[in-house]
Amino acid sequence: MGDIRNVSSAQSAKKRSRHLSQALLIIIFFSLTLCFMWSEIHHHVVVVVARHICIASHHICTVVHHISAIVHHISTIAHHISVVTHHIIVLHHMCG
Protein backbone atom coordinates (compact mmCIF):
# COMPACT_ATOMS: atom_id res chain seq x y z
CA MET A 1 0.00 0.00 0.00
CA GLY A 2 2.89 2.34 0.82
CA ASP A 3 4.43 1.72 -2.60
CA ILE A 4 1.20 2.70 -4.38
CA ARG A 5 1.07 5.97 -2.42
CA ASN A 6 4.70 6.72 -3.25
CA VAL A 7 4.13 6.02 -6.97
CA SER A 8 0.95 8.12 -6.94
CA SER A 9 2.75 10.91 -5.09
CA ALA A 10 5.68 10.76 -7.52
CA GLN A 11 3.31 10.89 -10.52
CA SER A 12 1.47 13.80 -8.97
CA ALA A 13 4.75 15.63 -8.36
CA LYS A 14 5.81 14.90 -11.94
CA LYS A 15 2.52 16.34 -13.27
CA ARG A 16 2.88 19.45 -11.08
CA SER A 17 6.46 19.86 -12.30
CA ARG A 18 5.36 19.55 -15.94
CA HIS A 19 2.51 22.06 -15.42
CA LEU A 20 4.90 24.45 -13.68
CA SER A 21 7.40 24.12 -16.54
CA GLN A 22 4.67 24.78 -19.09
CA ALA A 23 3.45 27.80 -17.12
CA LEU A 24 6.99 29.18 -16.93
CA LEU A 25 7.48 28.69 -20.68
CA ILE A 26 4.20 30.49 -21.36
CA ILE A 27 5.22 33.35 -19.02
CA ILE A 28 8.64 33.61 -20.68
CA PHE A 29 7.08 33.55 -24.16
CA PHE A 30 4.57 36.28 -23.31
CA SER A 31 7.25 38.33 -21.54
CA LEU A 32 9.50 38.18 -24.60
CA THR A 33 6.55 38.98 -26.86
CA LEU A 34 5.63 42.00 -24.71
CA CYS A 35 9.26 43.17 -24.65
CA PHE A 36 9.46 42.90 -28.43
CA MET A 37 6.12 44.68 -28.87
CA TRP A 38 7.16 47.42 -26.42
CA SER A 39 10.43 47.82 -28.31
CA GLU A 40 8.58 48.14 -31.61
CA ILE A 41 5.96 50.49 -30.14
CA HIS A 42 8.67 52.58 -28.47
CA HIS A 43 10.64 52.75 -31.74
CA HIS A 44 7.49 53.73 -33.64
CA VAL A 45 6.62 56.41 -31.07
CA VAL A 46 10.16 57.85 -31.20
CA VAL A 47 10.05 57.95 -35.01
CA VAL A 48 6.61 59.59 -35.05
CA VAL A 49 7.61 62.17 -32.41
CA ALA A 50 10.85 62.96 -34.27
CA ARG A 51 8.91 63.35 -37.52
CA HIS A 52 6.41 65.69 -35.87
CA ILE A 53 9.25 67.75 -34.39
CA CYS A 54 10.82 68.04 -37.86
CA ILE A 55 7.50 69.06 -39.40
CA ALA A 56 6.88 71.60 -36.62
CA SER A 57 10.38 73.07 -36.98
CA HIS A 58 9.84 73.30 -40.76
CA HIS A 59 6.58 75.19 -40.18
CA ILE A 60 8.32 77.51 -37.71
CA CYS A 61 11.11 78.17 -40.24
CA THR A 62 8.50 78.88 -42.93
CA VAL A 63 6.67 81.33 -40.65
CA VAL A 64 9.95 83.05 -39.73
CA HIS A 65 10.85 83.25 -43.43
CA HIS A 66 7.48 84.85 -44.24
CA ILE A 67 7.83 87.32 -41.36
CA SER A 68 11.33 88.17 -42.63
CA ALA A 69 9.91 88.71 -46.15
CA ILE A 70 7.15 90.97 -44.76
CA VAL A 71 9.69 92.98 -42.76
CA HIS A 72 11.86 93.28 -45.89
CA HIS A 73 8.85 94.56 -47.90
CA ILE A 74 7.98 97.06 -45.15
CA SER A 75 11.61 98.20 -45.10
CA THR A 76 11.57 98.58 -48.91
CA ILE A 77 8.33 100.58 -48.75
CA ALA A 78 9.80 102.79 -46.00
CA HIS A 79 12.91 103.33 -48.13
CA HIS A 80 10.78 104.32 -51.15
CA ILE A 81 8.76 106.73 -48.98
CA SER A 82 12.03 108.20 -47.73
CA VAL A 83 13.32 108.66 -51.31
CA VAL A 84 10.04 110.22 -52.47
CA THR A 85 10.06 112.53 -49.44
CA HIS A 86 13.65 113.52 -50.19
CA HIS A 87 12.74 114.31 -53.82
CA ILE A 88 9.75 116.38 -52.69
CA ILE A 89 11.99 118.37 -50.33
CA VAL A 90 14.59 118.90 -53.10
CA LEU A 91 11.88 120.01 -55.56
CA HIS A 92 10.40 122.31 -52.93
CA HIS A 93 13.82 123.95 -52.36
CA MET A 94 14.46 124.24 -56.12
CA CYS A 95 11.05 125.75 -56.85
CA GLY A 96 10.76 127.65 -53.75
PDB file of N, CA and C in Angstrom:
ATOM      1  N   MET A   1       0.818  -1.186   0.000  1.00  0.00           N
ATOM      2  CA  MET A   1       0.000   0.000   0.000  1.00  0.00           C
ATOM      3  C   MET A   1       0.866   1.256   0.000  1.00  0.00           C
ATOM      4  N   GLY A   2       1.975   1.197   0.762  1.00  0.00           N
ATOM      5  CA  GLY A   2       2.887   2.337   0.819  1.00  0.00           C
ATOM      6  C   GLY A   2       3.534   2.619  -0.516  1.00  0.00           C
ATOM      7  N   ASP A   3       3.816   1.553  -1.285  1.00  0.00           N
ATOM      8  CA  ASP A   3       4.433   1.723  -2.600  1.00  0.00           C
ATOM      9  C   ASP A   3       3.480   2.415  -3.566  1.00  0.00           C
ATOM     10  N   ILE A   4       2.196   2.083  -3.500  1.00  0.00           N
ATOM     11  CA  ILE A   4       1.199   2.698  -4.380  1.00  0.00           C
ATOM     12  C   ILE A   4       1.098   4.185  -4.090  1.00  0.00           C
ATOM     13  N   ARG A   5       1.121   4.536  -2.791  1.00  0.00           N
ATOM     14  CA  ARG A   5       1.070   5.970  -2.421  1.00  0.00           C
ATOM     15  C   ARG A   5       2.308   6.701  -2.924  1.00  0.00           C
ATOM     16  N   ASN A   6       3.464   6.092  -2.795  1.00  0.00           N
ATOM     17  CA  ASN A   6       4.702   6.718  -3.251  1.00  0.00           C
ATOM     18  C   ASN A   6       4.689   6.932  -4.765  1.00  0.00           C
ATOM     19  N   VAL A   7       4.214   5.909  -5.511  1.00  0.00           N
ATOM     20  CA  VAL A   7       4.129   6.016  -6.972  1.00  0.00           C
ATOM     21  C   VAL A   7       3.142   7.113  -7.343  1.00  0.00           C
ATOM     22  N   SER A   8       1.972   7.112  -6.676  1.00  0.00           N
ATOM     23  CA  SER A   8       0.946   8.124  -6.940  1.00  0.00           C
ATOM     24  C   SER A   8       1.478   9.518  -6.601  1.00  0.00           C
ATOM     25  N   SER A   9       2.188   9.630  -5.506  1.00  0.00           N
ATOM     26  CA  SER A   9       2.754  10.914  -5.088  1.00  0.00           C
ATOM     27  C   SER A   9       3.824  11.374  -6.075  1.00  0.00           C
ATOM     28  N   ALA A  10       4.637  10.429  -6.545  1.00  0.00           N
ATOM     29  CA  ALA A  10       5.684  10.762  -7.520  1.00  0.00           C
ATOM     30  C   ALA A  10       5.052  11.196  -8.842  1.00  0.00           C
ATOM     31  N   GLN A  11       3.994  10.510  -9.283  1.00  0.00           N
ATOM     32  CA  GLN A  11       3.312  10.887 -10.523  1.00  0.00           C
ATOM     33  C   GLN A  11       2.676  12.260 -10.383  1.00  0.00           C
ATOM     34  N   SER A  12       2.095  12.511  -9.233  1.00  0.00           N
ATOM     35  CA  SER A  12       1.475  13.799  -8.968  1.00  0.00           C
ATOM     36  C   SER A  12       2.526  14.913  -8.983  1.00  0.00           C
ATOM     37  N   ALA A  13       3.668  14.647  -8.374  1.00  0.00           N
ATOM     38  CA  ALA A  13       4.754  15.630  -8.363  1.00  0.00           C
ATOM     39  C   ALA A  13       5.274  15.860  -9.774  1.00  0.00           C
ATOM     40  N   LYS A  14       5.340  14.782 -10.557  1.00  0.00           N
ATOM     41  CA  LYS A  14       5.806  14.896 -11.936  1.00  0.00           C
ATOM     42  C   LYS A  14       4.836  15.748 -12.758  1.00  0.00           C
ATOM     43  N   LYS A  15       3.530  15.544 -12.571  1.00  0.00           N
ATOM     44  CA  LYS A  15       2.515  16.341 -13.267  1.00  0.00           C
ATOM     45  C   LYS A  15       2.616  17.815 -12.871  1.00  0.00           C
ATOM     46  N   ARG A  16       2.752  18.067 -11.560  1.00  0.00           N
ATOM     47  CA  ARG A  16       2.876  19.448 -11.078  1.00  0.00           C
ATOM     48  C   ARG A  16       4.110  20.101 -11.681  1.00  0.00           C
ATOM     49  N   SER A  17       5.224  19.349 -11.734  1.00  0.00           N
ATOM     50  CA  SER A  17       6.462  19.864 -12.296  1.00  0.00           C
ATOM     51  C   SER A  17       6.284  20.203 -13.784  1.00  0.00           C
ATOM     52  N   ARG A  18       5.598  19.310 -14.517  1.00  0.00           N
ATOM     53  CA  ARG A  18       5.356  19.551 -15.941  1.00  0.00           C
ATOM     54  C   ARG A  18       4.462  20.773 -16.126  1.00  0.00           C
ATOM     55  N   HIS A  19       3.408  20.902 -15.319  1.00  0.00           N
ATOM     56  CA  HIS A  19       2.511  22.060 -15.416  1.00  0.00           C
ATOM     57  C   HIS A  19       3.262  23.355 -15.080  1.00  0.00           C
ATOM     58  N   LEU A  20       4.111  23.275 -14.068  1.00  0.00           N
ATOM     59  CA  LEU A  20       4.900  24.452 -13.681  1.00  0.00           C
ATOM     60  C   LEU A  20       5.859  24.839 -14.805  1.00  0.00           C
ATOM     61  N   SER A  21       6.493  23.853 -15.416  1.00  0.00           N
ATOM     62  CA  SER A  21       7.400  24.116 -16.540  1.00  0.00           C
ATOM     63  C   SER A  21       6.649  24.752 -17.703  1.00  0.00           C
ATOM     64  N   GLN A  22       5.466  24.216 -18.013  1.00  0.00           N
ATOM     65  CA  GLN A  22       4.666  24.776 -19.095  1.00  0.00           C
ATOM     66  C   GLN A  22       4.249  26.210 -18.771  1.00  0.00           C
ATOM     67  N   ALA A  23       3.852  26.448 -17.537  1.00  0.00           N
ATOM     68  CA  ALA A  23       3.446  27.797 -17.125  1.00  0.00           C
ATOM     69  C   ALA A  23       4.623  28.761 -17.244  1.00  0.00           C
ATOM     70  N   LEU A  24       5.806  28.319 -16.821  1.00  0.00           N
ATOM     71  CA  LEU A  24       6.989  29.180 -16.929  1.00  0.00           C
ATOM     72  C   LEU A  24       7.331  29.477 -18.383  1.00  0.00           C
ATOM     73  N   LEU A  25       7.224  28.460 -19.254  1.00  0.00           N
ATOM     74  CA  LEU A  25       7.477  28.688 -20.680  1.00  0.00           C
ATOM     75  C   LEU A  25       6.486  29.690 -21.271  1.00  0.00           C
ATOM     76  N   ILE A  26       5.219  29.546 -20.873  1.00  0.00           N
ATOM     77  CA  ILE A  26       4.202  30.488 -21.357  1.00  0.00           C
ATOM     78  C   ILE A  26       4.508  31.897 -20.864  1.00  0.00           C
ATOM     79  N   ILE A  27       4.877  32.035 -19.591  1.00  0.00           N
ATOM     80  CA  ILE A  27       5.215  33.347 -19.020  1.00  0.00           C
ATOM     81  C   ILE A  27       6.422  33.936 -19.738  1.00  0.00           C
ATOM     82  N   ILE A  28       7.446  33.124 -19.978  1.00  0.00           N
ATOM     83  CA  ILE A  28       8.643  33.607 -20.679  1.00  0.00           C
ATOM     84  C   ILE A  28       8.285  34.033 -22.099  1.00  0.00           C
ATOM     85  N   PHE A  29       7.482  33.224 -22.793  1.00  0.00           N
ATOM     86  CA  PHE A  29       7.077  33.546 -24.160  1.00  0.00           C
ATOM     87  C   PHE A  29       6.329  34.880 -24.201  1.00  0.00           C
ATOM     88  N   PHE A  30       5.338  35.033 -23.311  1.00  0.00           N
ATOM     89  CA  PHE A  30       4.571  36.280 -23.308  1.00  0.00           C
ATOM     90  C   PHE A  30       5.429  37.465 -22.876  1.00  0.00           C
ATOM     91  N   SER A  31       6.350  37.254 -21.957  1.00  0.00           N
ATOM     92  CA  SER A  31       7.247  38.330 -21.544  1.00  0.00           C
ATOM     93  C   SER A  31       8.117  38.791 -22.705  1.00  0.00           C
ATOM     94  N   LEU A  32       8.680  37.826 -23.435  1.00  0.00           N
ATOM     95  CA  LEU A  32       9.498  38.183 -24.603  1.00  0.00           C
ATOM     96  C   LEU A  32       8.666  38.873 -25.678  1.00  0.00           C
ATOM     97  N   THR A  33       7.442  38.361 -25.872  1.00  0.00           N
ATOM     98  CA  THR A  33       6.545  38.983 -26.858  1.00  0.00           C
ATOM     99  C   THR A  33       6.230  40.418 -26.458  1.00  0.00           C
ATOM    100  N   LEU A  34       5.923  40.638 -25.183  1.00  0.00           N
ATOM    101  CA  LEU A  34       5.630  41.999 -24.708  1.00  0.00           C
ATOM    102  C   LEU A  34       6.850  42.903 -24.830  1.00  0.00           C
ATOM    103  N   CYS A  35       8.027  42.377 -24.509  1.00  0.00           N
ATOM    104  CA  CYS A  35       9.257  43.171 -24.645  1.00  0.00           C
ATOM    105  C   CYS A  35       9.474  43.574 -26.093  1.00  0.00           C
ATOM    106  N   PHE A  36       9.296  42.610 -27.010  1.00  0.00           N
ATOM    107  CA  PHE A  36       9.461  42.904 -28.433  1.00  0.00           C
ATOM    108  C   PHE A  36       8.441  43.941 -28.888  1.00  0.00           C
ATOM    109  N   MET A  37       7.164  43.735 -28.482  1.00  0.00           N
ATOM    110  CA  MET A  37       6.120  44.678 -28.874  1.00  0.00           C
ATOM    111  C   MET A  37       6.411  46.058 -28.305  1.00  0.00           C
ATOM    112  N   TRP A  38       6.855  46.121 -27.033  1.00  0.00           N
ATOM    113  CA  TRP A  38       7.164  47.416 -26.423  1.00  0.00           C
ATOM    114  C   TRP A  38       8.303  48.083 -27.173  1.00  0.00           C
ATOM    115  N   SER A  39       9.300  47.289 -27.557  1.00  0.00           N
ATOM    116  CA  SER A  39      10.432  47.822 -28.307  1.00  0.00           C
ATOM    117  C   SER A  39       9.960  48.404 -29.634  1.00  0.00           C
ATOM    118  N   GLU A  40       9.093  47.666 -30.334  1.00  0.00           N
ATOM    119  CA  GLU A  40       8.577  48.137 -31.612  1.00  0.00           C
ATOM    120  C   GLU A  40       7.700  49.381 -31.424  1.00  0.00           C
ATOM    121  N   ILE A  41       6.827  49.345 -30.412  1.00  0.00           N
ATOM    122  CA  ILE A  41       5.958  50.494 -30.138  1.00  0.00           C
ATOM    123  C   ILE A  41       6.809  51.700 -29.760  1.00  0.00           C
ATOM    124  N   HIS A  42       7.800  51.479 -28.898  1.00  0.00           N
ATOM    125  CA  HIS A  42       8.673  52.576 -28.466  1.00  0.00           C
ATOM    126  C   HIS A  42       9.413  53.162 -29.665  1.00  0.00           C
ATOM    127  N   HIS A  43       9.940  52.292 -30.537  1.00  0.00           N
ATOM    128  CA  HIS A  43      10.642  52.751 -31.739  1.00  0.00           C
ATOM    129  C   HIS A  43       9.687  53.555 -32.618  1.00  0.00           C
ATOM    130  N   HIS A  44       8.473  53.044 -32.813  1.00  0.00           N
ATOM    131  CA  HIS A  44       7.485  53.734 -33.641  1.00  0.00           C
ATOM    132  C   HIS A  44       7.144  55.097 -33.045  1.00  0.00           C
ATOM    133  N   VAL A  45       6.952  55.148 -31.733  1.00  0.00           N
ATOM    134  CA  VAL A  45       6.620  56.414 -31.067  1.00  0.00           C
ATOM    135  C   VAL A  45       7.760  57.408 -31.234  1.00  0.00           C
ATOM    136  N   VAL A  46       9.002  56.955 -31.051  1.00  0.00           N
ATOM    137  CA  VAL A  46      10.158  57.851 -31.198  1.00  0.00           C
ATOM    138  C   VAL A  46      10.227  58.390 -32.624  1.00  0.00           C
ATOM    139  N   VAL A  47      10.006  57.525 -33.607  1.00  0.00           N
ATOM    140  CA  VAL A  47      10.047  57.952 -35.012  1.00  0.00           C
ATOM    141  C   VAL A  47       8.935  58.965 -35.297  1.00  0.00           C
ATOM    142  N   VAL A  48       7.737  58.687 -34.811  1.00  0.00           N
ATOM    143  CA  VAL A  48       6.608  59.594 -35.049  1.00  0.00           C
ATOM    144  C   VAL A  48       6.847  60.941 -34.371  1.00  0.00           C
ATOM    145  N   VAL A  49       7.330  60.921 -33.128  1.00  0.00           N
ATOM    146  CA  VAL A  49       7.607  62.171 -32.411  1.00  0.00           C
ATOM    147  C   VAL A  49       8.692  62.957 -33.131  1.00  0.00           C
ATOM    148  N   ALA A  50       9.759  62.285 -33.552  1.00  0.00           N
ATOM    149  CA  ALA A  50      10.848  62.963 -34.266  1.00  0.00           C
ATOM    150  C   ALA A  50      10.337  63.572 -35.571  1.00  0.00           C
ATOM    151  N   ARG A  51       9.471  62.830 -36.273  1.00  0.00           N
ATOM    152  CA  ARG A  51       8.908  63.347 -37.516  1.00  0.00           C
ATOM    153  C   ARG A  51       8.056  64.584 -37.256  1.00  0.00           C
ATOM    154  N   HIS A  52       7.246  64.545 -36.200  1.00  0.00           N
ATOM    155  CA  HIS A  52       6.407  65.695 -35.867  1.00  0.00           C
ATOM    156  C   HIS A  52       7.264  66.897 -35.467  1.00  0.00           C
ATOM    157  N   ILE A  53       8.348  66.649 -34.755  1.00  0.00           N
ATOM    158  CA  ILE A  53       9.253  67.749 -34.387  1.00  0.00           C
ATOM    159  C   ILE A  53       9.857  68.366 -35.644  1.00  0.00           C
ATOM    160  N   CYS A  54      10.269  67.529 -36.597  1.00  0.00           N
ATOM    161  CA  CYS A  54      10.819  68.041 -37.860  1.00  0.00           C
ATOM    162  C   CYS A  54       9.781  68.860 -38.624  1.00  0.00           C
ATOM    163  N   ILE A  55       8.565  68.335 -38.692  1.00  0.00           N
ATOM    164  CA  ILE A  55       7.496  69.057 -39.398  1.00  0.00           C
ATOM    165  C   ILE A  55       7.211  70.392 -38.708  1.00  0.00           C
ATOM    166  N   ALA A  56       7.136  70.366 -37.374  1.00  0.00           N
ATOM    167  CA  ALA A  56       6.876  71.602 -36.622  1.00  0.00           C
ATOM    168  C   ALA A  56       8.003  72.607 -36.826  1.00  0.00           C
ATOM    169  N   SER A  57       9.254  72.139 -36.786  1.00  0.00           N
ATOM    170  CA  SER A  57      10.376  73.073 -36.977  1.00  0.00           C
ATOM    171  C   SER A  57      10.359  73.624 -38.400  1.00  0.00           C
ATOM    172  N   HIS A  58       9.956  72.809 -39.376  1.00  0.00           N
ATOM    173  CA  HIS A  58       9.839  73.297 -40.758  1.00  0.00           C
ATOM    174  C   HIS A  58       8.775  74.390 -40.841  1.00  0.00           C
ATOM    175  N   HIS A  59       7.634  74.176 -40.186  1.00  0.00           N
ATOM    176  CA  HIS A  59       6.578  75.193 -40.181  1.00  0.00           C
ATOM    177  C   HIS A  59       7.069  76.472 -39.510  1.00  0.00           C
ATOM    178  N   ILE A  60       7.791  76.328 -38.409  1.00  0.00           N
ATOM    179  CA  ILE A  60       8.322  77.508 -37.707  1.00  0.00           C
ATOM    180  C   ILE A  60       9.284  78.261 -38.623  1.00  0.00           C
ATOM    181  N   CYS A  61      10.170  77.529 -39.311  1.00  0.00           N
ATOM    182  CA  CYS A  61      11.112  78.169 -40.237  1.00  0.00           C
ATOM    183  C   CYS A  61      10.363  78.885 -41.362  1.00  0.00           C
ATOM    184  N   THR A  62       9.293  78.263 -41.867  1.00  0.00           N
ATOM    185  CA  THR A  62       8.501  78.884 -42.933  1.00  0.00           C
ATOM    186  C   THR A  62       7.851  80.174 -42.430  1.00  0.00           C
ATOM    187  N   VAL A  63       7.291  80.130 -41.222  1.00  0.00           N
ATOM    188  CA  VAL A  63       6.670  81.332 -40.647  1.00  0.00           C
ATOM    189  C   VAL A  63       7.719  82.429 -40.460  1.00  0.00           C
ATOM    190  N   VAL A  64       8.884  82.063 -39.930  1.00  0.00           N
ATOM    191  CA  VAL A  64       9.947  83.052 -39.730  1.00  0.00           C
ATOM    192  C   VAL A  64      10.379  83.630 -41.078  1.00  0.00           C
ATOM    193  N   HIS A  65      10.483  82.773 -42.095  1.00  0.00           N
ATOM    194  CA  HIS A  65      10.847  83.246 -43.435  1.00  0.00           C
ATOM    195  C   HIS A  65       9.816  84.245 -43.951  1.00  0.00           C
ATOM    196  N   HIS A  66       8.531  83.943 -43.774  1.00  0.00           N
ATOM    197  CA  HIS A  66       7.480  84.850 -44.236  1.00  0.00           C
ATOM    198  C   HIS A  66       7.516  86.164 -43.471  1.00  0.00           C
ATOM    199  N   ILE A  67       7.727  86.087 -42.160  1.00  0.00           N
ATOM    200  CA  ILE A  67       7.833  87.320 -41.362  1.00  0.00           C
ATOM    201  C   ILE A  67       9.021  88.148 -41.852  1.00  0.00           C
ATOM    202  N   SER A  68      10.146  87.478 -42.118  1.00  0.00           N
ATOM    203  CA  SER A  68      11.330  88.172 -42.634  1.00  0.00           C
ATOM    204  C   SER A  68      11.022  88.837 -43.972  1.00  0.00           C
ATOM    205  N   ALA A  69      10.281  88.141 -44.847  1.00  0.00           N
ATOM    206  CA  ALA A  69       9.913  88.715 -46.148  1.00  0.00           C
ATOM    207  C   ALA A  69       9.005  89.926 -45.959  1.00  0.00           C
ATOM    208  N   ILE A  70       8.056  89.839 -45.035  1.00  0.00           N
ATOM    209  CA  ILE A  70       7.150  90.971 -44.758  1.00  0.00           C
ATOM    210  C   ILE A  70       7.946  92.161 -44.236  1.00  0.00           C
ATOM    211  N   VAL A  71       8.861  91.905 -43.303  1.00  0.00           N
ATOM    212  CA  VAL A  71       9.695  92.985 -42.758  1.00  0.00           C
ATOM    213  C   VAL A  71      10.537  93.599 -43.873  1.00  0.00           C
ATOM    214  N   HIS A  72      11.069  92.760 -44.765  1.00  0.00           N
ATOM    215  CA  HIS A  72      11.856  93.277 -45.892  1.00  0.00           C
ATOM    216  C   HIS A  72      10.992  94.176 -46.785  1.00  0.00           C
ATOM    217  N   HIS A  73       9.749  93.746 -47.075  1.00  0.00           N
ATOM    218  CA  HIS A  73       8.848  94.562 -47.898  1.00  0.00           C
ATOM    219  C   HIS A  73       8.523  95.885 -47.205  1.00  0.00           C
ATOM    220  N   ILE A  74       8.263  95.828 -45.907  1.00  0.00           N
ATOM    221  CA  ILE A  74       7.980  97.065 -45.154  1.00  0.00           C
ATOM    222  C   ILE A  74       9.195  97.976 -45.205  1.00  0.00           C
ATOM    223  N   SER A  75      10.377  97.413 -45.034  1.00  0.00           N
ATOM    224  CA  SER A  75      11.609  98.201 -45.098  1.00  0.00           C
ATOM    225  C   SER A  75      11.776  98.827 -46.485  1.00  0.00           C
ATOM    226  N   THR A  76      11.471  98.043 -47.530  1.00  0.00           N
ATOM    227  CA  THR A  76      11.570  98.578 -48.906  1.00  0.00           C
ATOM    228  C   THR A  76      10.572  99.714 -49.122  1.00  0.00           C
ATOM    229  N   ILE A  77       9.356  99.533 -48.633  1.00  0.00           N
ATOM    230  CA  ILE A  77       8.332 100.585 -48.752  1.00  0.00           C
ATOM    231  C   ILE A  77       8.790 101.835 -47.993  1.00  0.00           C
ATOM    232  N   ALA A  78       9.315 101.646 -46.790  1.00  0.00           N
ATOM    233  CA  ALA A  78       9.802 102.790 -46.005  1.00  0.00           C
ATOM    234  C   ALA A  78      10.932 103.501 -46.734  1.00  0.00           C
ATOM    235  N   HIS A  79      11.804 102.728 -47.366  1.00  0.00           N
ATOM    236  CA  HIS A  79      12.905 103.329 -48.127  1.00  0.00           C
ATOM    237  C   HIS A  79      12.357 104.146 -49.299  1.00  0.00           C
ATOM    238  N   HIS A  80      11.369 103.598 -50.022  1.00  0.00           N
ATOM    239  CA  HIS A  80      10.780 104.325 -51.149  1.00  0.00           C
ATOM    240  C   HIS A  80      10.089 105.600 -50.677  1.00  0.00           C
ATOM    241  N   ILE A  81       9.398 105.525 -49.545  1.00  0.00           N
ATOM    242  CA  ILE A  81       8.756 106.729 -48.980  1.00  0.00           C
ATOM    243  C   ILE A  81       9.821 107.758 -48.639  1.00  0.00           C
ATOM    244  N   SER A  82      10.931 107.299 -48.080  1.00  0.00           N
ATOM    245  CA  SER A  82      12.027 108.200 -47.730  1.00  0.00           C
ATOM    246  C   SER A  82      12.602 108.862 -48.982  1.00  0.00           C
ATOM    247  N   VAL A  83      12.782 108.099 -50.058  1.00  0.00           N
ATOM    248  CA  VAL A  83      13.322 108.656 -51.314  1.00  0.00           C
ATOM    249  C   VAL A  83      12.345 109.667 -51.908  1.00  0.00           C
ATOM    250  N   VAL A  84      11.056 109.307 -51.929  1.00  0.00           N
ATOM    251  CA  VAL A  84      10.042 110.218 -52.472  1.00  0.00           C
ATOM    252  C   VAL A  84      10.001 111.503 -51.640  1.00  0.00           C
ATOM    253  N   THR A  85      10.058 111.349 -50.313  1.00  0.00           N
ATOM    254  CA  THR A  85      10.059 112.527 -49.437  1.00  0.00           C
ATOM    255  C   THR A  85      11.280 113.399 -49.715  1.00  0.00           C
ATOM    256  N   HIS A  86      12.416 112.762 -49.897  1.00  0.00           N
ATOM    257  CA  HIS A  86      13.645 113.520 -50.195  1.00  0.00           C
ATOM    258  C   HIS A  86      13.489 114.290 -51.505  1.00  0.00           C
ATOM    259  N   HIS A  87      12.924 113.633 -52.542  1.00  0.00           N
ATOM    260  CA  HIS A  87      12.738 114.313 -53.824  1.00  0.00           C
ATOM    261  C   HIS A  87      11.746 115.468 -53.694  1.00  0.00           C
ATOM    262  N   ILE A  88      10.711 115.292 -52.904  1.00  0.00           N
ATOM    263  CA  ILE A  88       9.747 116.381 -52.692  1.00  0.00           C
ATOM    264  C   ILE A  88      10.434 117.568 -52.031  1.00  0.00           C
ATOM    265  N   ILE A  89      11.272 117.293 -51.030  1.00  0.00           N
ATOM    266  CA  ILE A  89      11.986 118.370 -50.331  1.00  0.00           C
ATOM    267  C   ILE A  89      12.937 119.074 -51.300  1.00  0.00           C
ATOM    268  N   VAL A  90      13.663 118.306 -52.127  1.00  0.00           N
ATOM    269  CA  VAL A  90      14.592 118.903 -53.101  1.00  0.00           C
ATOM    270  C   VAL A  90      13.818 119.755 -54.087  1.00  0.00           C
ATOM    271  N   LEU A  91      12.697 119.233 -54.620  1.00  0.00           N
ATOM    272  CA  LEU A  91      11.884 120.013 -55.559  1.00  0.00           C
ATOM    273  C   LEU A  91      11.328 121.272 -54.903  1.00  0.00           C
ATOM    274  N   HIS A  92      10.933 121.156 -53.658  1.00  0.00           N
ATOM    275  CA  HIS A  92      10.398 122.312 -52.934  1.00  0.00           C
ATOM    276  C   HIS A  92      11.470 123.395 -52.795  1.00  0.00           C
ATOM    277  N   HIS A  93      12.725 122.993 -52.493  1.00  0.00           N
ATOM    278  CA  HIS A  93      13.823 123.954 -52.360  1.00  0.00           C
ATOM    279  C   HIS A  93      14.180 124.570 -53.706  1.00  0.00           C
ATOM    280  N   MET A  94      14.104 123.725 -54.789  1.00  0.00           N
ATOM    281  CA  MET A  94      14.456 124.243 -56.116  1.00  0.00           C
ATOM    282  C   MET A  94      13.390 125.209 -56.622  1.00  0.00           C
ATOM    283  N   CYS A  95      12.136 124.915 -56.337  1.00  0.00           N
ATOM    284  CA  CYS A  95      11.047 125.752 -56.849  1.00  0.00           C
ATOM    285  C   CYS A  95      10.741 126.911 -55.902  1.00  0.00           C
ATOM    286  N   GLY A  96      11.177 126.783 -54.727  1.00  0.00           N
ATOM    287  CA  GLY A  96      10.760 127.647 -53.750  1.00  0.00           C
ATOM    288  C   GLY A  96      11.140 128.870 -53.297  1.00  0.00           C
TER     289      GLY A  96
END
